[in-house]
Amino acid sequence: MTDELTRLANSVLWPGFFGTDAPAWLREALAQDLAGVVYFGQNISPALVELSAEIHAANPDALIGIDEEGGSVTRLEVATGSTLPGAAQLGILDDPVASAATGAELARRARAVGVDVVLGPVADVNTDPRNPVIGVRSFGSDAQLVSRHVAATVRGLQDGGVAACVKHFPGHGDTHLDSHHALPVITLDPSEIEDVHLEPFLAAIAAGVDTIMTAHIVVPAWGDQPATLNPAVLGRLREMGFEGVIITDALDMAAIRESVGLGGGAVQALAAGADLLCIGNPTNPGDAAASDQDERDFLAVRDAIVAALRDGTLSRERVEQARDRVRALSTKLRAAAPVEAPAFDGAAIVTRALRMTGEADAAASALSVIDARRRSTLAVDSAAAYVAEALAGEGFRVRLDVARATDAERDAALDAAVAAEGRLVVLIDRPDVDDDQRALVELAAARDREAVVVNVGLASQHPLSLPVVEVAAASRVGAEAARALLLSR
C-alpha cells in the first residue's frame, strides 16, 4: 500500500518528463495523487491530445501545464516557431483588446490539446536592457503598461477556460543575470520594487489570476533567501490579496539546484508558502542529463518532502493546505465553461507592431540572411533555425556565432551573403549589449550600403549604421512579417 505521506508529497509536485509518451514512473505517480505534469518541447508530438487524455485518465485531478508565452517562447510550436504575438509586440501596440484576444487564442490552443495551466503571461517590468532572460518576453519597461496588458492577457486566458500563471514574482525585470545559471540579487530600494515591479502582480490579482510563479531572485531588503524559498516574500504575495496557487519556478535551475539542492529547495519552498512545485525540464542538463534524469529529479524532490514530513521539519498541515489549493484549482477548471475565442489574426497584430528606423531602398526581390543571434538559452531558443528560415524564404541564409567566429569565418559568411541574390539582411537580437553583433552590422554596412538589419530583441537605443526592422520577438510570424515588409518596400 502506498504510504500516505508519499501521496501527500505527490499531490504538490509538478514534474517534467522525457519523451512523447508517459513513462512508467509517471503513470505510477499519477495513480498515487501526483498533482500533474508540465509539458516542454520534447513532449510535443501529433499525439499530444492522446497523451493529455492518458494523464487525465490516470488522475482526473491532474493539472497539465505548459510553458507557452507566444513570441520568442513556445512549446506547442517548438518545431516551426510561434504564430502568436509576443509580449513586447503587444506592449508596442498598447492595445489591451489585442492582448486579451491573444490570451483567448492561446487558451483555445491549450484546451485543444488538453492543457489546463498556461505558464504566462510574464509580469516582469524589464527595466534592465541587459536582462538575458526576460527582454522581449516582457510587455515593456513601464509598470502601468505592463500592468494593463498582464491583466488583459489573464482575462483572455481564463475566460477561455485555462488557468493563467503570471511570473516571476516579485519581478525578474531588473537583473542582468539568468537564474537558470546563477542567483540574481535585486539591490533596488524596496520602494522602487513596490512601486514598479509589484504593480503588474497587483493588476493580475485584481483580474482574478489563478496562479502566480515565484522567481529565484534575492531581494536583500526582504532577506537572504531567494524569493521561492523566502516566507517573507511569499507572505507578501498573500498580503497583496492573492488567494490562488503559488507555483515555484523550476527547482532544477542553478539558483536552487546548486545552492540548497532540489530536495532542500522543495522542502524550503513548501515551508515558505509555495503550493505547487515545478521540478523542471529534465533536458536542461544537456549532455550531462542521465537517461532517467526525469525520474531521478522527481524522486529526489518527493523523497525529501516525505523525509521532512516524517521528522517534523515540514508541517503536514502546510502541505495539506498546498494540496487543497491545487485541487481546488483543478475542480474549478473542470467546471469551467470557456468563452468561445473570437476570430484571431496573429499575423495582423504582429505586422501592426513592426517598427522601422531608417529607410531601406526599393523593395528587395529576395533576402540573403546572416543569422547572428546569440546562442540559445534554457529559457529561449534564441538560435532556432525557423526564424532565419522564415525571414530568408527560398533565399540564402547562414548561421554565424559572432561571439566565437574567427575573422576568417565572419568574412566568409559576409562574402557568401553579399554574393547571393537579394538584399543582405543581418539578423540580430542584442544590439545594445552585444559588441560583436554591432561590429558585424558595421562590417555589413561597409560591404553593402543597401543592407538592412532585422532585430528580434529589444529595440536598439543606440543608432546602427543601417536601417533596422524592429520585430521584438524571435518567432516565425515575426520573421514572416519582417520579410513581407522588406519585399514590399
Protein backbone atom coordinates (compact mmCIF):
# COMPACT_ATOMS: atom_id res chain seq x y z
CA MET A 1 0.00 0.00 0.00
CA THR A 2 1.29 3.41 -0.92
CA ASP A 3 2.49 5.39 2.04
CA GLU A 4 0.07 8.20 2.93
CA LEU A 5 2.90 10.70 3.15
CA THR A 6 4.09 9.72 -0.33
CA ARG A 7 0.65 10.52 -1.70
CA LEU A 8 0.67 13.83 0.13
CA ALA A 9 4.08 14.74 -1.27
CA ASN A 10 2.98 13.72 -4.78
CA SER A 11 -0.04 15.99 -4.55
CA VAL A 12 2.09 19.14 -4.68
CA LEU A 13 4.60 18.04 -7.34
CA TRP A 14 4.69 19.08 -10.99
CA PRO A 15 7.46 17.23 -12.84
CA GLY A 16 8.62 17.32 -16.41
CA PHE A 17 9.48 14.12 -18.26
CA PHE A 18 11.27 12.76 -21.28
CA GLY A 19 9.54 11.74 -24.47
CA THR A 20 6.13 11.88 -26.07
CA ASP A 21 4.66 9.03 -24.01
CA ALA A 22 4.04 8.89 -20.27
CA PRO A 23 6.86 6.82 -18.71
CA ALA A 24 6.03 4.06 -16.23
CA TRP A 25 7.22 6.07 -13.19
CA LEU A 26 4.91 8.93 -14.17
CA ARG A 27 1.88 6.71 -14.65
CA GLU A 28 2.52 5.17 -11.24
CA ALA A 29 2.86 8.57 -9.58
CA LEU A 30 -0.34 9.85 -11.22
CA ALA A 31 -2.19 6.88 -9.73
CA GLN A 32 -0.77 7.98 -6.39
CA ASP A 33 -2.15 11.54 -6.42
CA LEU A 34 0.56 13.33 -8.44
CA ALA A 35 -0.56 16.92 -8.98
CA GLY A 36 0.12 16.73 -12.72
CA VAL A 37 2.88 17.42 -15.24
CA VAL A 38 4.46 20.27 -17.17
CA TYR A 39 4.96 19.90 -20.92
CA PHE A 40 8.18 21.05 -22.55
CA GLY A 41 9.32 20.94 -26.14
CA GLN A 42 10.42 17.29 -26.05
CA ASN A 43 6.88 16.22 -25.14
CA ILE A 44 5.17 17.74 -28.16
CA SER A 45 4.01 15.41 -30.92
CA PRO A 46 0.92 14.84 -33.10
CA ALA A 47 -0.29 12.51 -30.33
CA LEU A 48 -0.35 15.23 -27.65
CA VAL A 49 -4.13 15.08 -27.29
CA GLU A 50 -3.93 11.37 -26.55
CA LEU A 51 -1.11 11.90 -24.07
CA SER A 52 -3.15 14.50 -22.18
CA ALA A 53 -6.15 12.17 -22.14
CA GLU A 54 -3.99 9.38 -20.71
CA ILE A 55 -2.69 11.66 -17.96
CA HIS A 56 -6.17 12.87 -17.04
CA ALA A 57 -7.49 9.30 -17.06
CA ALA A 58 -4.71 8.22 -14.69
CA ASN A 59 -5.60 11.07 -12.32
CA PRO A 60 -8.73 13.13 -13.06
CA ASP A 61 -7.43 15.87 -10.72
CA ALA A 62 -4.12 16.19 -12.59
CA LEU A 63 -3.21 19.61 -13.89
CA ILE A 64 -1.28 19.76 -17.15
CA GLY A 65 0.80 22.90 -17.56
CA ILE A 66 2.79 24.24 -20.46
CA ASP A 67 5.43 26.96 -20.74
CA GLU A 68 3.79 28.78 -23.62
CA GLU A 69 4.08 32.57 -23.94
CA GLY A 70 3.87 33.23 -27.66
CA GLY A 71 6.53 35.28 -29.41
CA SER A 72 10.01 34.04 -28.51
CA VAL A 73 8.84 31.27 -26.17
CA THR A 74 6.79 28.38 -27.50
CA ARG A 75 6.43 24.69 -26.79
CA LEU A 76 3.32 23.91 -28.85
CA GLU A 77 5.06 25.22 -31.97
CA VAL A 78 8.59 24.25 -30.96
CA ALA A 79 9.43 22.81 -34.38
CA THR A 80 8.20 25.68 -36.53
CA GLY A 81 8.11 28.81 -34.34
CA SER A 82 5.30 30.69 -32.69
CA THR A 83 2.41 32.13 -34.68
CA LEU A 84 1.23 34.16 -31.68
CA PRO A 85 2.29 37.74 -30.89
CA GLY A 86 4.86 38.09 -28.12
CA ALA A 87 4.52 40.30 -25.07
CA ALA A 88 6.86 43.04 -26.32
CA GLN A 89 4.95 43.26 -29.60
CA LEU A 90 1.69 43.63 -27.69
CA GLY A 91 3.29 46.26 -25.47
CA ILE A 92 4.45 48.22 -28.51
CA LEU A 93 0.89 48.24 -29.85
CA ASP A 94 -0.51 49.06 -26.41
CA ASP A 95 -3.91 47.68 -27.43
CA PRO A 96 -5.35 45.70 -24.50
CA VAL A 97 -8.02 44.27 -26.80
CA ALA A 98 -5.26 42.63 -28.85
CA SER A 99 -3.65 41.28 -25.68
CA ALA A 100 -6.93 39.82 -24.45
CA ALA A 101 -7.56 38.27 -27.86
CA THR A 102 -4.08 36.74 -27.84
CA GLY A 103 -4.74 35.28 -24.41
CA ALA A 104 -8.07 33.87 -25.63
CA GLU A 105 -6.42 32.27 -28.65
CA LEU A 106 -3.70 30.77 -26.51
CA ALA A 107 -6.36 29.35 -24.19
CA ARG A 108 -8.17 27.83 -27.17
CA ARG A 109 -4.98 26.16 -28.38
CA ALA A 110 -4.11 24.92 -24.90
CA ARG A 111 -7.53 23.42 -24.27
CA ALA A 112 -7.48 21.77 -27.68
CA VAL A 113 -4.53 19.62 -26.58
CA GLY A 114 -5.73 19.02 -23.02
CA VAL A 115 -3.63 21.64 -21.23
CA ASP A 116 -5.04 23.18 -18.04
CA VAL A 117 -2.47 25.81 -17.00
CA VAL A 118 -0.54 28.22 -19.22
CA LEU A 119 2.69 29.46 -17.66
CA GLY A 120 2.23 33.07 -18.70
CA PRO A 121 1.97 35.95 -19.11
CA VAL A 122 5.27 37.41 -17.96
CA ALA A 123 4.53 40.21 -15.48
CA ASP A 124 8.14 41.37 -15.16
CA VAL A 125 8.84 45.03 -15.89
CA ASN A 126 12.03 44.84 -17.97
CA THR A 127 13.91 47.84 -16.59
CA ASP A 128 17.41 46.46 -17.26
CA PRO A 129 18.15 46.35 -21.01
CA ARG A 130 20.97 43.87 -20.29
CA ASN A 131 18.46 41.32 -18.99
CA PRO A 132 19.43 37.99 -20.56
CA VAL A 133 16.35 36.02 -19.60
CA ILE A 134 13.32 38.38 -19.87
CA GLY A 135 13.81 41.04 -22.55
CA VAL A 136 11.07 40.82 -25.18
CA ARG A 137 9.21 38.30 -23.03
CA SER A 138 8.06 41.38 -21.07
CA PHE A 139 5.39 43.79 -22.27
CA GLY A 140 7.83 46.64 -21.64
CA SER A 141 9.72 48.81 -19.18
CA ASP A 142 6.77 50.86 -17.92
CA ALA A 143 4.89 49.40 -14.96
CA GLN A 144 1.48 50.78 -15.93
CA LEU A 145 1.77 49.49 -19.49
CA VAL A 146 2.85 46.06 -18.29
CA SER A 147 0.03 46.01 -15.76
CA ARG A 148 -2.77 46.67 -18.23
CA HIS A 149 -1.52 44.04 -20.68
CA VAL A 150 -0.93 41.45 -17.97
CA ALA A 151 -4.50 41.96 -16.77
CA ALA A 152 -5.91 41.80 -20.30
CA THR A 153 -3.99 38.62 -21.13
CA VAL A 154 -5.03 36.97 -17.86
CA ARG A 155 -8.67 37.70 -18.61
CA GLY A 156 -8.33 36.32 -22.13
CA LEU A 157 -6.71 33.13 -20.91
CA GLN A 158 -9.04 32.47 -18.01
CA ASP A 159 -12.23 33.36 -19.85
CA GLY A 160 -11.00 30.73 -22.29
CA GLY A 161 -11.09 28.07 -19.60
CA VAL A 162 -7.44 27.67 -18.62
CA ALA A 163 -5.54 28.97 -15.61
CA ALA A 164 -3.04 31.75 -16.22
CA CYS A 165 0.24 31.83 -14.31
CA VAL A 166 1.81 35.28 -14.12
CA LYS A 167 5.54 35.25 -13.49
CA HIS A 168 8.12 35.81 -11.95
CA PHE A 169 7.19 37.24 -8.51
CA PRO A 170 8.39 39.68 -7.16
CA GLY A 171 9.77 40.68 -10.56
CA HIS A 172 12.70 39.44 -12.65
CA GLY A 173 12.94 42.56 -14.82
CA ASP A 174 15.80 44.41 -13.14
CA THR A 175 18.57 41.85 -13.42
CA HIS A 176 21.41 41.13 -15.80
CA LEU A 177 21.82 37.53 -14.60
CA ASP A 178 19.85 34.46 -15.68
CA SER A 179 18.54 32.45 -12.70
CA HIS A 180 18.83 29.29 -14.82
CA HIS A 181 22.59 29.66 -14.31
CA ALA A 182 23.09 31.96 -11.28
CA LEU A 183 21.30 33.58 -8.35
CA PRO A 184 20.40 37.19 -9.24
CA VAL A 185 20.35 39.77 -6.46
CA ILE A 186 17.98 42.74 -6.77
CA THR A 187 19.54 45.70 -4.96
CA LEU A 188 16.79 48.20 -5.72
CA ASP A 189 15.30 50.30 -2.97
CA PRO A 190 12.25 48.40 -1.65
CA SER A 191 10.02 51.35 -2.51
CA GLU A 192 11.01 51.03 -6.17
CA ILE A 193 10.24 47.32 -6.13
CA GLU A 194 6.82 48.02 -4.67
CA ASP A 195 6.05 50.99 -6.93
CA VAL A 196 7.28 49.41 -10.16
CA HIS A 197 7.82 45.68 -10.06
CA LEU A 198 4.89 44.62 -7.88
CA GLU A 199 2.33 46.69 -9.77
CA PRO A 200 1.68 44.15 -12.57
CA PHE A 201 1.17 41.40 -10.00
CA LEU A 202 -1.39 43.54 -8.21
CA ALA A 203 -3.13 44.06 -11.56
CA ALA A 204 -3.13 40.31 -12.17
CA ILE A 205 -4.59 39.64 -8.74
CA ALA A 206 -7.31 42.23 -9.38
CA ALA A 207 -8.04 40.42 -12.66
CA GLY A 208 -8.57 37.17 -10.74
CA VAL A 209 -5.42 35.30 -11.79
CA ASP A 210 -5.46 31.66 -10.69
CA THR A 211 -1.73 31.09 -10.19
CA ILE A 212 1.47 33.09 -9.71
CA MET A 213 5.01 31.79 -10.25
CA THR A 214 7.90 32.75 -7.99
CA ALA A 215 11.35 33.93 -9.06
CA HIS A 216 14.68 32.57 -7.90
CA ILE A 217 15.98 36.05 -7.07
CA VAL A 218 17.21 37.57 -3.84
CA VAL A 219 15.90 40.90 -2.57
CA PRO A 220 18.32 41.70 0.30
CA ALA A 221 15.87 44.13 1.89
CA TRP A 222 13.49 41.18 2.36
CA GLY A 223 16.02 38.56 3.43
CA ASP A 224 18.92 36.46 2.16
CA GLN A 225 16.89 33.65 0.61
CA PRO A 226 15.67 33.61 -2.99
CA ALA A 227 12.01 34.58 -3.26
CA THR A 228 10.94 30.98 -3.96
CA LEU A 229 12.26 29.93 -0.55
CA ASN A 230 11.51 33.11 1.38
CA PRO A 231 8.42 33.16 3.63
CA ALA A 232 8.59 36.95 3.89
CA VAL A 233 8.32 37.34 0.11
CA LEU A 234 5.61 34.71 -0.37
CA GLY A 235 3.80 36.09 2.66
CA ARG A 236 3.83 39.50 0.97
CA LEU A 237 2.07 37.92 -2.00
CA ARG A 238 -0.73 36.73 0.30
CA GLU A 239 -0.86 40.18 1.92
CA MET A 240 -1.42 41.62 -1.56
CA GLY A 241 -4.68 39.67 -1.67
CA PHE A 242 -3.67 36.61 -3.71
CA GLU A 243 -5.58 33.50 -2.65
CA GLY A 244 -4.71 31.20 -5.53
CA VAL A 245 -1.93 28.70 -6.16
CA ILE A 246 1.68 29.82 -5.71
CA ILE A 247 3.86 27.87 -8.17
CA THR A 248 7.63 27.74 -7.94
CA ASP A 249 9.82 28.41 -10.91
CA ALA A 250 11.69 25.25 -11.87
CA LEU A 251 13.62 23.80 -8.94
CA ASP A 252 16.23 22.33 -11.27
CA MET A 253 17.53 25.81 -12.14
CA ALA A 254 21.05 26.52 -10.92
CA ALA A 255 19.84 29.14 -8.44
CA ILE A 256 18.25 26.29 -6.45
CA ARG A 257 19.93 23.06 -7.60
CA GLU A 258 23.44 24.37 -6.98
CA SER A 259 22.67 26.08 -3.66
CA VAL A 260 20.27 24.13 -1.44
CA GLY A 261 19.64 21.33 -3.93
CA LEU A 262 16.42 20.01 -5.43
CA GLY A 263 15.21 18.28 -2.29
CA GLY A 264 16.22 21.04 0.09
CA GLY A 265 14.69 23.63 -2.21
CA ALA A 266 11.42 21.71 -2.36
CA VAL A 267 11.11 21.48 1.41
CA GLN A 268 12.03 25.13 1.94
CA ALA A 269 9.66 26.31 -0.79
CA LEU A 270 6.73 24.49 0.76
CA ALA A 271 7.60 25.76 4.23
CA ALA A 272 7.81 29.29 2.80
CA GLY A 273 4.28 29.09 1.41
CA ALA A 274 4.55 27.67 -2.12
CA ASP A 275 1.76 25.30 -3.17
CA LEU A 276 2.88 23.58 -6.37
CA LEU A 277 6.50 22.70 -7.07
CA CYS A 278 7.61 22.85 -10.69
CA ILE A 279 10.54 20.43 -10.78
CA GLY A 280 11.69 21.47 -14.24
CA ASN A 281 12.73 20.26 -17.65
CA PRO A 282 14.91 17.12 -17.49
CA THR A 283 16.61 18.05 -20.76
CA ASN A 284 18.14 21.17 -19.19
CA PRO A 285 21.42 19.48 -18.12
CA GLY A 286 22.08 18.78 -21.81
CA ASP A 287 24.67 16.07 -22.41
CA ALA A 288 25.07 15.72 -18.64
CA ALA A 289 21.48 14.53 -18.25
CA ALA A 290 21.09 10.88 -17.28
CA SER A 291 18.73 8.74 -19.31
CA ASP A 292 16.41 8.68 -16.30
CA GLN A 293 17.01 12.30 -15.22
CA ASP A 294 13.26 12.95 -15.10
CA GLU A 295 12.61 10.16 -12.61
CA ARG A 296 15.74 10.95 -10.59
CA ASP A 297 14.73 14.58 -10.13
CA PHE A 298 11.16 13.63 -9.25
CA LEU A 299 12.28 11.11 -6.63
CA ALA A 300 14.85 13.49 -5.16
CA VAL A 301 12.12 16.05 -4.52
CA ARG A 302 9.42 13.62 -3.41
CA ASP A 303 11.67 11.70 -1.03
CA ALA A 304 12.99 14.89 0.56
CA ILE A 305 9.44 16.06 1.26
CA VAL A 306 8.44 12.70 2.71
CA ALA A 307 11.51 12.67 4.96
CA ALA A 308 10.80 16.21 6.15
CA LEU A 309 7.18 15.32 6.90
CA ARG A 310 8.26 12.27 8.86
CA ASP A 311 10.82 14.06 11.01
CA GLY A 312 8.65 17.14 11.53
CA THR A 313 10.91 19.52 9.62
CA LEU A 314 7.95 20.26 7.37
CA SER A 315 4.46 20.77 8.73
CA ARG A 316 1.90 18.30 7.44
CA GLU A 317 -0.76 20.97 7.79
CA ARG A 318 1.21 23.28 5.48
CA VAL A 319 1.47 20.61 2.75
CA GLU A 320 -2.20 19.71 3.10
CA GLN A 321 -3.05 23.39 2.68
CA ALA A 322 -0.99 23.45 -0.51
CA ARG A 323 -2.61 20.25 -1.79
CA ASP A 324 -6.08 21.64 -1.13
CA ARG A 325 -5.33 24.82 -3.09
CA VAL A 326 -4.08 22.79 -6.05
CA ARG A 327 -7.12 20.52 -6.00
CA ALA A 328 -9.47 23.49 -5.71
CA LEU A 329 -7.96 24.87 -8.90
CA SER A 330 -8.44 21.54 -10.64
CA THR A 331 -12.07 21.44 -9.54
CA LYS A 332 -12.61 24.98 -10.79
CA LEU A 333 -11.12 24.23 -14.21
CA ARG A 334 -13.13 21.02 -14.64
CA ALA A 335 -16.31 23.04 -14.07
CA ALA A 336 -15.29 25.94 -16.32
CA ALA A 337 -17.50 26.97 -19.24
CA PRO A 338 -14.99 28.67 -21.54
CA VAL A 339 -15.98 31.66 -23.62
CA GLU A 340 -15.53 30.93 -27.32
CA ALA A 341 -12.40 32.61 -28.66
CA PRO A 342 -13.08 35.30 -31.27
CA ALA A 343 -11.62 35.10 -34.77
CA PHE A 344 -7.92 35.71 -34.42
CA ASP A 345 -5.30 37.06 -36.82
CA GLY A 346 -1.94 36.94 -35.09
CA ALA A 347 -0.05 37.99 -38.20
CA ALA A 348 -2.07 41.20 -38.44
CA ILE A 349 -1.28 42.06 -34.83
CA VAL A 350 2.44 41.39 -35.34
CA THR A 351 2.51 43.43 -38.56
CA ARG A 352 0.97 46.38 -36.73
CA ALA A 353 3.74 46.14 -34.12
CA LEU A 354 6.63 46.29 -36.61
CA ARG A 355 8.74 49.44 -36.49
CA MET A 356 11.41 50.56 -38.93
CA THR A 357 14.19 53.04 -38.26
CA GLY A 358 15.90 54.47 -41.31
CA GLU A 359 14.77 53.93 -44.85
CA ALA A 360 15.51 50.91 -46.97
CA ASP A 361 15.69 51.41 -50.71
CA ALA A 362 13.16 49.94 -53.13
CA ALA A 363 11.64 46.55 -52.44
CA ALA A 364 14.01 43.62 -52.49
CA SER A 365 13.47 40.71 -54.84
CA ALA A 366 14.95 38.28 -52.30
CA LEU A 367 16.69 38.31 -48.93
CA SER A 368 20.14 36.98 -48.09
CA VAL A 369 20.33 36.44 -44.33
CA ILE A 370 23.23 36.26 -41.89
CA ASP A 371 21.79 34.94 -38.63
CA ALA A 372 24.00 36.44 -35.90
CA ARG A 373 21.68 35.99 -32.92
CA ARG A 374 23.06 34.87 -29.57
CA ARG A 375 23.17 31.19 -28.68
CA SER A 376 20.06 29.57 -27.24
CA THR A 377 19.40 29.74 -23.50
CA LEU A 378 17.37 27.43 -21.27
CA ALA A 379 14.51 29.93 -21.37
CA VAL A 380 14.56 30.97 -25.02
CA ASP A 381 15.63 29.05 -28.11
CA SER A 382 17.43 32.11 -29.47
CA ALA A 383 19.23 30.21 -32.20
CA ALA A 384 16.16 28.38 -33.51
CA ALA A 385 16.54 27.96 -37.27
CA TYR A 386 12.90 28.73 -38.04
CA VAL A 387 13.40 32.49 -37.59
CA ALA A 388 16.11 32.74 -40.24
CA GLU A 389 14.26 30.25 -42.46
CA ALA A 390 11.08 32.29 -42.40
CA LEU A 391 12.98 35.51 -43.00
CA ALA A 392 15.09 34.20 -45.89
CA GLY A 393 12.34 32.17 -47.55
CA GLU A 394 13.95 30.43 -50.51
CA GLY A 395 16.92 32.79 -50.35
CA PHE A 396 20.41 32.38 -48.93
CA ARG A 397 20.97 32.10 -45.19
CA VAL A 398 23.93 31.31 -42.98
CA ARG A 399 24.31 30.94 -39.21
CA LEU A 400 27.21 32.88 -37.66
CA ASP A 401 28.05 32.62 -33.97
CA VAL A 402 29.67 36.05 -33.76
CA ALA A 403 30.96 35.50 -30.23
CA ARG A 404 33.05 32.53 -31.34
CA ALA A 405 33.64 33.08 -35.05
CA THR A 406 37.13 33.86 -36.29
CA ASP A 407 37.71 36.84 -38.55
CA ALA A 408 38.04 34.46 -41.46
CA GLU A 409 34.72 32.75 -40.66
CA ARG A 410 32.97 36.10 -40.31
CA ASP A 411 34.42 37.38 -43.59
CA ALA A 412 33.45 34.18 -45.39
CA ALA A 413 29.86 34.49 -44.19
CA LEU A 414 29.70 38.12 -45.33
CA ASP A 415 31.25 37.26 -48.71
CA ALA A 416 28.76 34.46 -49.32
CA ALA A 417 25.76 36.55 -48.24
CA VAL A 418 26.78 39.55 -50.37
CA ALA A 419 27.39 37.32 -53.37
CA ALA A 420 24.00 35.65 -53.07
CA GLU A 421 20.91 37.00 -54.80
CA GLY A 422 18.88 39.57 -52.90
CA ARG A 423 19.27 42.20 -50.21
CA LEU A 424 21.73 41.50 -47.42
CA VAL A 425 19.96 41.14 -44.04
CA VAL A 426 21.77 40.91 -40.69
CA LEU A 427 19.57 39.15 -38.14
CA ILE A 428 20.41 40.15 -34.53
CA ASP A 429 18.81 40.20 -31.09
CA ARG A 430 21.01 42.21 -28.67
CA PRO A 431 22.26 45.31 -30.47
CA ASP A 432 22.79 47.44 -27.37
CA VAL A 433 24.69 44.90 -25.28
CA ASP A 434 26.44 42.67 -27.80
CA ASP A 435 29.50 44.38 -29.28
CA ASP A 436 30.06 41.52 -31.72
CA GLN A 437 26.60 41.95 -33.23
CA ARG A 438 27.14 45.70 -33.63
CA ALA A 439 30.55 45.11 -35.18
CA LEU A 440 29.02 42.75 -37.73
CA VAL A 441 26.45 45.38 -38.65
CA GLU A 442 29.27 47.88 -39.25
CA LEU A 443 31.10 45.42 -41.47
CA ALA A 444 27.91 44.65 -43.39
CA ALA A 445 27.32 48.39 -43.92
CA ALA A 446 30.83 48.77 -45.29
CA ARG A 447 30.26 45.89 -47.71
CA ASP A 448 26.75 46.81 -48.84
CA ARG A 449 25.08 50.15 -48.11
CA GLU A 450 21.72 48.66 -49.18
CA ALA A 451 21.85 46.07 -46.42
CA VAL A 452 19.31 46.13 -43.58
CA VAL A 453 19.13 44.84 -40.03
CA VAL A 454 16.30 42.76 -38.60
CA ASN A 455 16.32 42.91 -34.80
CA VAL A 456 14.19 40.37 -32.92
CA GLY A 457 15.32 41.54 -29.46
CA LEU A 458 14.79 44.73 -27.51
CA ALA A 459 14.78 47.79 -29.74
CA SER A 460 18.17 49.42 -30.15
CA GLN A 461 18.52 52.66 -28.18
CA HIS A 462 21.80 53.48 -29.92
CA PRO A 463 21.68 54.14 -33.67
CA LEU A 464 23.01 51.50 -36.03
CA SER A 465 24.61 52.31 -39.35
CA LEU A 466 21.91 50.51 -41.35
CA PRO A 467 18.10 50.69 -41.46
CA VAL A 468 16.55 48.43 -38.80
CA VAL A 469 13.30 46.48 -38.79
CA GLU A 470 12.35 46.15 -35.11
CA VAL A 471 10.40 42.88 -34.74
CA ALA A 472 10.52 42.42 -30.93
CA ALA A 473 10.16 38.62 -30.99
CA ALA A 474 12.14 35.66 -32.28
CA SER A 475 9.10 33.97 -33.81
CA ARG A 476 8.06 32.58 -37.16
CA VAL A 477 5.19 35.04 -37.50
CA GLY A 478 7.51 37.94 -36.67
CA ALA A 479 10.09 36.86 -39.23
CA GLU A 480 7.40 36.42 -41.87
CA ALA A 481 6.08 39.92 -41.17
CA ALA A 482 9.57 41.41 -41.47
CA ARG A 483 10.14 39.56 -44.74
CA ALA A 484 6.84 40.83 -46.15
CA LEU A 485 7.78 44.39 -45.17
CA LEU A 486 11.19 44.24 -46.84
CA LEU A 487 9.87 42.68 -50.03
CA SER A 488 7.11 45.27 -50.35
CA ARG A 489 9.10 48.47 -49.89
